[in-house]
Amino acid sequence: MRRYLLPFILLASMSTQASTSLRVGNKVLTVGDTAARVQQLMGEPSIRAFKQLQLGAMPDNQVATGEEWQYLQDGRTIIVTVVGGRVVNFETVHD
């Protein structure tokens, strides 16, 4: 059983990709862009969820309230994390 677990974990980790920029058509979104710019380029998200996030610049005992916006596009899910009206992370999950 254990010998099947490691390849499964490796495969699962390859299907998620985080980055600091995202190409949308002929435009590029980057970390630090406003939430309004994300909506301008990508439209309304399919799913919007509130999250408590631990950011790198914050002490361990503090969290920021943010949102994860999910967009379903071409067999993948793009997750845009927004805190304080600004993009802090992009993540692509291949379905």
Protein backbone atom coordinates (compact mmCIF):
# COMPACT_ATOMS: atom_id res chain seq x y z
CA MET A 1 0.00 0.00 0.00
CA ARG A 2 2.78 2.45 0.87
CA ARG A 3 4.52 2.03 -2.46
CA TYR A 4 1.37 3.30 -4.21
CA LEU A 5 1.00 6.29 -1.91
CA LEU A 6 4.20 8.12 -2.92
CA PRO A 7 3.51 8.12 -6.68
CA PHE A 8 -0.05 9.29 -6.00
CA ILE A 9 1.20 12.17 -3.83
CA LEU A 10 3.75 13.18 -6.46
CA LEU A 11 1.12 13.11 -9.19
CA ALA A 12 -1.30 15.16 -7.12
CA SER A 13 1.34 17.78 -6.35
CA MET A 14 2.09 18.22 -10.05
CA SER A 15 -1.51 19.08 -10.86
CA THR A 16 -1.46 22.31 -8.81
CA GLN A 17 0.66 25.27 -9.82
CA ALA A 18 1.08 28.62 -8.07
CA SER A 19 2.51 31.70 -9.74
CA THR A 20 2.90 35.46 -9.43
CA SER A 21 1.27 36.27 -12.78
CA LEU A 22 -1.55 35.00 -14.95
CA ARG A 23 -2.09 35.50 -18.66
CA VAL A 24 -5.67 36.39 -19.60
CA GLY A 25 -5.97 36.62 -23.38
CA ASN A 26 -3.40 39.21 -24.41
CA LYS A 27 -3.29 40.83 -20.93
CA VAL A 28 -1.37 39.82 -17.80
CA LEU A 29 -2.54 39.93 -14.18
CA THR A 30 0.15 40.09 -11.51
CA VAL A 31 0.29 39.87 -7.73
CA GLY A 32 -0.56 43.34 -6.42
CA ASP A 33 -3.20 44.09 -9.06
CA THR A 34 -6.59 45.24 -7.79
CA ALA A 35 -9.63 43.05 -7.44
CA ALA A 36 -11.38 45.39 -9.88
CA ARG A 37 -8.77 44.62 -12.55
CA VAL A 38 -9.28 40.87 -12.03
CA GLN A 39 -13.03 41.30 -12.56
CA GLN A 40 -12.41 43.54 -15.57
CA LEU A 41 -10.31 40.86 -17.28
CA MET A 42 -11.91 37.64 -15.99
CA GLY A 43 -15.48 38.60 -15.06
CA GLU A 44 -17.38 37.41 -12.00
CA PRO A 45 -15.93 34.30 -10.33
CA SER A 46 -17.83 31.01 -10.38
CA ILE A 47 -17.18 30.61 -6.64
CA ARG A 48 -16.21 33.23 -4.06
CA ALA A 49 -15.16 32.00 -0.61
CA PHE A 50 -13.96 33.92 2.46
CA LYS A 51 -10.74 32.56 4.01
CA GLN A 52 -8.52 33.24 6.99
CA LEU A 53 -5.00 33.45 5.55
CA GLN A 54 -1.56 33.44 7.14
CA LEU A 55 0.60 35.80 5.09
CA GLY A 56 4.38 35.79 5.13
CA ALA A 57 4.77 39.32 6.55
CA MET A 58 2.43 38.71 9.48
CA PRO A 59 3.34 37.23 12.87
CA ASP A 60 2.39 33.58 13.40
CA ASN A 61 -0.54 34.47 15.65
CA GLN A 62 -2.21 36.84 13.16
CA VAL A 63 -4.26 36.09 10.08
CA ALA A 64 -5.78 38.23 7.35
CA THR A 65 -9.30 37.86 6.03
CA GLY A 66 -9.28 37.34 2.31
CA GLU A 67 -11.24 35.82 -0.51
CA GLU A 68 -10.55 32.99 -2.93
CA TRP A 69 -12.14 33.55 -6.32
CA GLN A 70 -12.46 30.45 -8.49
CA TYR A 71 -12.78 30.54 -12.27
CA LEU A 72 -13.45 27.39 -14.32
CA GLN A 73 -11.67 27.55 -17.68
CA ASP A 74 -10.75 24.87 -20.23
CA GLY A 75 -10.50 21.89 -17.86
CA ARG A 76 -8.73 23.79 -15.11
CA THR A 77 -9.65 25.86 -12.09
CA ILE A 78 -7.90 29.18 -11.58
CA ILE A 79 -7.94 30.38 -7.97
CA VAL A 80 -7.21 34.06 -7.35
CA THR A 81 -6.59 34.99 -3.71
CA VAL A 82 -7.53 38.58 -2.81
CA VAL A 83 -6.68 40.32 0.49
CA GLY A 84 -7.51 43.97 1.12
CA GLY A 85 -8.66 44.46 -2.46
CA ARG A 86 -5.34 43.27 -3.94
CA VAL A 87 -4.25 39.98 -5.50
CA VAL A 88 -1.81 38.05 -3.30
CA ASN A 89 -1.69 34.71 -5.15
CA PHE A 90 -2.70 32.82 -8.29
CA GLU A 91 -3.11 29.05 -8.33
CA THR A 92 -4.03 26.78 -11.23
CA VAL A 93 -5.51 23.35 -10.56
CA HIS A 94 -5.68 21.06 -13.58
CA ASP A 95 -8.76 18.85 -13.50
